[in-house]
């Protein structure tokens, strides 16, 4: 069993503080930013930034479904971390100044302890594809305000 790490990095319009605020708006912007394989999203506590608790159902594959219940923390001023309370899954959203004025770079880093054996092989091979798609969609939708 080894740790799996998936990183997605994209530049988006907006000052870092604005983009981080949109990412941390779990009641509003974030509730509309999930791709189709996320369902049953709800805010359990808070709703804005650190201290929030969110839950959702992640359809990883046709057969593989994960129930996520994440607690949000802000270990650094430019970072939100969503830590699943049911597993080792952690997603860190870091927003820094981008290459130009009014640009930000969003880096989503997701880690978890992968399975061993043949199941672990498939997890290490295919799960990163889904996580990249999920985090990329969230960033794209936060960047454009699309649902």
C-alpha atoms as a PDB file:
ATOM      1  CA  UNK A   1       0.000   0.000   0.000  1.00  0.00           C
ATOM      2  CA  UNK A   2       1.548   3.301  -1.108  1.00  0.00           C
ATOM      3  CA  UNK A   3       0.466   6.877  -1.109  1.00  0.00           C
ATOM      4  CA  UNK A   4      -1.121   8.143  -4.320  1.00  0.00           C
ATOM      5  CA  UNK A   5      -0.728  11.814  -5.183  1.00  0.00           C
ATOM      6  CA  UNK A   6      -2.520  13.721  -7.946  1.00  0.00           C
ATOM      7  CA  UNK A   7      -1.740  17.360  -8.751  1.00  0.00           C
ATOM      8  CA  UNK A   8      -3.791  19.677 -10.969  1.00  0.00           C
ATOM      9  CA  UNK A   9      -2.528  23.220 -11.589  1.00  0.00           C
ATOM     10  CA  UNK A  10      -4.375  25.893 -13.569  1.00  0.00           C
ATOM     11  CA  UNK A  11      -4.234  29.652 -14.006  1.00  0.00           C
ATOM     12  CA  UNK A  12      -7.530  31.474 -13.541  1.00  0.00           C
ATOM     13  CA  UNK A  13      -8.716  35.072 -13.688  1.00  0.00           C
ATOM     14  CA  UNK A  14      -9.026  36.895 -10.389  1.00  0.00           C
ATOM     15  CA  UNK A  15      -6.908  37.969  -7.474  1.00  0.00           C
ATOM     16  CA  UNK A  16      -5.792  35.106  -5.202  1.00  0.00           C
ATOM     17  CA  UNK A  17      -7.989  36.289  -2.320  1.00  0.00           C
ATOM     18  CA  UNK A  18     -11.075  36.333  -4.571  1.00  0.00           C
ATOM     19  CA  UNK A  19     -10.376  32.905  -6.057  1.00  0.00           C
ATOM     20  CA  UNK A  20      -9.708  31.391  -2.614  1.00  0.00           C
ATOM     21  CA  UNK A  21     -12.959  32.927  -1.343  1.00  0.00           C
ATOM     22  CA  UNK A  22     -14.854  31.313  -4.250  1.00  0.00           C
ATOM     23  CA  UNK A  23     -13.224  27.938  -3.510  1.00  0.00           C
ATOM     24  CA  UNK A  24     -14.158  28.277   0.157  1.00  0.00           C
ATOM     25  CA  UNK A  25     -17.772  29.262  -0.509  1.00  0.00           C
ATOM     26  CA  UNK A  26     -19.167  25.793   0.208  1.00  0.00           C
ATOM     27  CA  UNK A  27     -22.775  27.044   0.411  1.00  0.00           C
ATOM     28  CA  UNK A  28     -22.650  28.875  -2.935  1.00  0.00           C
ATOM     29  CA  UNK A  29     -19.901  28.647  -5.562  1.00  0.00           C
ATOM     30  CA  UNK A  30     -18.544  25.266  -4.506  1.00  0.00           C
ATOM     31  CA  UNK A  31     -21.971  23.681  -4.265  1.00  0.00           C
ATOM     32  CA  UNK A  32     -22.390  24.414  -7.992  1.00  0.00           C
ATOM     33  CA  UNK A  33     -18.864  23.468  -9.098  1.00  0.00           C
ATOM     34  CA  UNK A  34     -18.948  19.669  -8.783  1.00  0.00           C
ATOM     35  CA  UNK A  35     -18.937  17.419 -11.866  1.00  0.00           C
ATOM     36  CA  UNK A  36     -21.710  14.907 -12.547  1.00  0.00           C
ATOM     37  CA  UNK A  37     -20.010  12.063 -10.662  1.00  0.00           C
ATOM     38  CA  UNK A  38     -20.526  13.937  -7.372  1.00  0.00           C
ATOM     39  CA  UNK A  39     -24.023  13.756  -5.879  1.00  0.00           C
ATOM     40  CA  UNK A  40     -25.828  14.241  -2.583  1.00  0.00           C
ATOM     41  CA  UNK A  41     -23.619  17.243  -1.750  1.00  0.00           C
ATOM     42  CA  UNK A  42     -24.436  18.966   1.506  1.00  0.00           C
ATOM     43  CA  UNK A  43     -22.889  21.385   3.952  1.00  0.00           C
ATOM     44  CA  UNK A  44     -22.933  19.846   7.430  1.00  0.00           C
ATOM     45  CA  UNK A  45     -21.431  22.803   9.292  1.00  0.00           C
ATOM     46  CA  UNK A  46     -20.142  26.270   8.543  1.00  0.00           C
ATOM     47  CA  UNK A  47     -20.259  26.893   4.841  1.00  0.00           C
ATOM     48  CA  UNK A  48     -17.442  29.362   4.374  1.00  0.00           C
ATOM     49  CA  UNK A  49     -13.773  28.369   4.564  1.00  0.00           C
ATOM     50  CA  UNK A  50     -12.055  26.712   7.501  1.00  0.00           C
ATOM     51  CA  UNK A  51     -14.306  24.984   9.988  1.00  0.00           C
ATOM     52  CA  UNK A  52     -16.788  23.932   7.331  1.00  0.00           C
ATOM     53  CA  UNK A  53     -17.845  20.305   7.015  1.00  0.00           C
ATOM     54  CA  UNK A  54     -19.132  18.945   3.739  1.00  0.00           C
ATOM     55  CA  UNK A  55     -20.422  15.564   2.610  1.00  0.00           C
ATOM     56  CA  UNK A  56     -20.990  14.070  -0.817  1.00  0.00           C
ATOM     57  CA  UNK A  57     -21.136  10.845  -2.737  1.00  0.00           C
ATOM     58  CA  UNK A  58     -18.309  10.307  -5.242  1.00  0.00           C
ATOM     59  CA  UNK A  59     -19.004   7.828  -8.032  1.00  0.00           C
ATOM     60  CA  UNK A  60     -15.398   6.891  -8.823  1.00  0.00           C
ATOM     61  CA  UNK A  61     -16.335   4.134 -11.300  1.00  0.00           C
ATOM     62  CA  UNK A  62     -19.554   2.343 -12.199  1.00  0.00           C
ATOM     63  CA  UNK A  63     -19.110   0.079  -9.182  1.00  0.00           C
ATOM     64  CA  UNK A  64     -16.883   2.112  -6.876  1.00  0.00           C
ATOM     65  CA  UNK A  65     -18.669   4.717  -4.754  1.00  0.00           C
ATOM     66  CA  UNK A  66     -17.105   6.641  -1.884  1.00  0.00           C
ATOM     67  CA  UNK A  67     -19.054   8.516   0.749  1.00  0.00           C
ATOM     68  CA  UNK A  68     -16.957  11.573   1.601  1.00  0.00           C
ATOM     69  CA  UNK A  69     -17.355  13.585   4.782  1.00  0.00           C
ATOM     70  CA  UNK A  70     -14.665  16.250   4.803  1.00  0.00           C
ATOM     71  CA  UNK A  71     -13.588  18.762   7.397  1.00  0.00           C
ATOM     72  CA  UNK A  72     -12.062  21.960   5.997  1.00  0.00           C
ATOM     73  CA  UNK A  73      -8.993  23.610   7.499  1.00  0.00           C
ATOM     74  CA  UNK A  74      -6.750  26.494   6.429  1.00  0.00           C
ATOM     75  CA  UNK A  75      -3.190  25.608   7.505  1.00  0.00           C
ATOM     76  CA  UNK A  76      -1.803  28.570   5.497  1.00  0.00           C
ATOM     77  CA  UNK A  77      -3.495  31.834   4.451  1.00  0.00           C
ATOM     78  CA  UNK A  78      -3.515  30.737   0.779  1.00  0.00           C
ATOM     79  CA  UNK A  79      -4.632  27.135   1.353  1.00  0.00           C
ATOM     80  CA  UNK A  80      -7.787  25.155   2.109  1.00  0.00           C
ATOM     81  CA  UNK A  81      -7.524  21.466   2.994  1.00  0.00           C
ATOM     82  CA  UNK A  82     -10.501  19.103   2.755  1.00  0.00           C
ATOM     83  CA  UNK A  83      -9.794  16.019   4.874  1.00  0.00           C
ATOM     84  CA  UNK A  84     -12.157  13.067   4.542  1.00  0.00           C
ATOM     85  CA  UNK A  85     -13.098  11.711   7.947  1.00  0.00           C
ATOM     86  CA  UNK A  86     -13.850   8.233   6.511  1.00  0.00           C
ATOM     87  CA  UNK A  87     -10.501   7.622   4.770  1.00  0.00           C
ATOM     88  CA  UNK A  88      -7.016   8.977   4.141  1.00  0.00           C
ATOM     89  CA  UNK A  89      -8.266  11.140   1.225  1.00  0.00           C
ATOM     90  CA  UNK A  90      -7.034  14.745   1.450  1.00  0.00           C
ATOM     91  CA  UNK A  91      -7.346  17.550  -1.085  1.00  0.00           C
ATOM     92  CA  UNK A  92      -5.331  20.725  -0.641  1.00  0.00           C
ATOM     93  CA  UNK A  93      -6.386  23.795  -2.649  1.00  0.00           C
ATOM     94  CA  UNK A  94      -3.620  26.394  -2.817  1.00  0.00           C
ATOM     95  CA  UNK A  95      -4.167  29.734  -4.555  1.00  0.00           C
ATOM     96  CA  UNK A  96      -1.162  31.929  -5.351  1.00  0.00           C
ATOM     97  CA  UNK A  97      -0.487  34.969  -7.531  1.00  0.00           C
ATOM     98  CA  UNK A  98      -0.343  34.026 -11.201  1.00  0.00           C
ATOM     99  CA  UNK A  99       1.965  35.134 -13.996  1.00  0.00           C
ATOM    100  CA  UNK A 100       0.060  38.329 -14.765  1.00  0.00           C
ATOM    101  CA  UNK A 101      -2.014  40.962 -13.023  1.00  0.00           C
ATOM    102  CA  UNK A 102      -5.425  39.702 -11.903  1.00  0.00           C
ATOM    103  CA  UNK A 103      -4.339  36.094 -12.456  1.00  0.00           C
ATOM    104  CA  UNK A 104      -4.119  33.354  -9.874  1.00  0.00           C
ATOM    105  CA  UNK A 105      -2.660  29.873  -9.970  1.00  0.00           C
ATOM    106  CA  UNK A 106      -4.819  27.208  -8.329  1.00  0.00           C
ATOM    107  CA  UNK A 107      -3.058  24.001  -7.335  1.00  0.00           C
ATOM    108  CA  UNK A 108      -5.209  21.080  -6.187  1.00  0.00           C
ATOM    109  CA  UNK A 109      -3.223  18.257  -4.595  1.00  0.00           C
ATOM    110  CA  UNK A 110      -5.125  15.095  -3.671  1.00  0.00           C
ATOM    111  CA  UNK A 111      -3.478  12.280  -1.725  1.00  0.00           C
ATOM    112  CA  UNK A 112      -4.632   8.994  -0.232  1.00  0.00           C
ATOM    113  CA  UNK A 113      -3.266   5.645   0.873  1.00  0.00           C
ATOM    114  CA  UNK A 114      -3.740   3.305  -2.061  1.00  0.00           C
ATOM    115  CA  UNK A 115      -4.694  -0.344  -1.913  1.00  0.00           C
ATOM    116  CA  UNK A 116      -2.181  -3.134  -2.390  1.00  0.00           C
ATOM    117  CA  UNK A 117      -2.211  -6.038  -4.825  1.00  0.00           C
ATOM    118  CA  UNK A 118      -4.022  -6.098  -8.143  1.00  0.00           C
ATOM    119  CA  UNK A 119      -6.698  -3.698  -6.853  1.00  0.00           C
ATOM    120  CA  UNK A 120      -3.948  -1.261  -5.949  1.00  0.00           C
ATOM    121  CA  UNK A 121      -2.476  -1.538  -9.437  1.00  0.00           C
ATOM    122  CA  UNK A 122      -5.792  -0.547 -11.006  1.00  0.00           C
ATOM    123  CA  UNK A 123      -6.311   2.193  -8.427  1.00  0.00           C
ATOM    124  CA  UNK A 124      -2.862   3.692  -9.118  1.00  0.00           C
ATOM    125  CA  UNK A 125      -3.515   3.465 -12.860  1.00  0.00           C
ATOM    126  CA  UNK A 126      -7.076   4.753 -13.184  1.00  0.00           C
ATOM    127  CA  UNK A 127      -8.012   6.738 -10.057  1.00  0.00           C
ATOM    128  CA  UNK A 128      -5.649   9.637 -10.879  1.00  0.00           C
ATOM    129  CA  UNK A 129      -7.473  10.137 -14.192  1.00  0.00           C
ATOM    130  CA  UNK A 130     -10.781  10.594 -12.369  1.00  0.00           C
ATOM    131  CA  UNK A 131      -9.294  12.832  -9.677  1.00  0.00           C
ATOM    132  CA  UNK A 132      -7.641  15.052 -12.312  1.00  0.00           C
ATOM    133  CA  UNK A 133     -10.990  15.374 -14.096  1.00  0.00           C
ATOM    134  CA  UNK A 134     -12.854  16.098 -10.837  1.00  0.00           C
ATOM    135  CA  UNK A 135     -10.415  18.743  -9.559  1.00  0.00           C
ATOM    136  CA  UNK A 136      -9.981  20.263 -13.032  1.00  0.00           C
ATOM    137  CA  UNK A 137     -13.748  20.643 -13.380  1.00  0.00           C
ATOM    138  CA  UNK A 138     -14.022  22.313  -9.960  1.00  0.00           C
ATOM    139  CA  UNK A 139     -11.257  24.783 -10.870  1.00  0.00           C
ATOM    140  CA  UNK A 140     -12.786  25.510 -14.292  1.00  0.00           C
ATOM    141  CA  UNK A 141     -16.248  26.102 -12.834  1.00  0.00           C
ATOM    142  CA  UNK A 142     -14.919  28.273 -10.002  1.00  0.00           C
ATOM    143  CA  UNK A 143     -12.925  30.276 -12.561  1.00  0.00           C
ATOM    144  CA  UNK A 144     -15.867  30.965 -14.846  1.00  0.00           C
ATOM    145  CA  UNK A 145     -18.736  30.886 -12.360  1.00  0.00           C
ATOM    146  CA  UNK A 146     -20.426  28.198 -14.471  1.00  0.00           C
ATOM    147  CA  UNK A 147     -22.737  25.549 -13.187  1.00  0.00           C
END
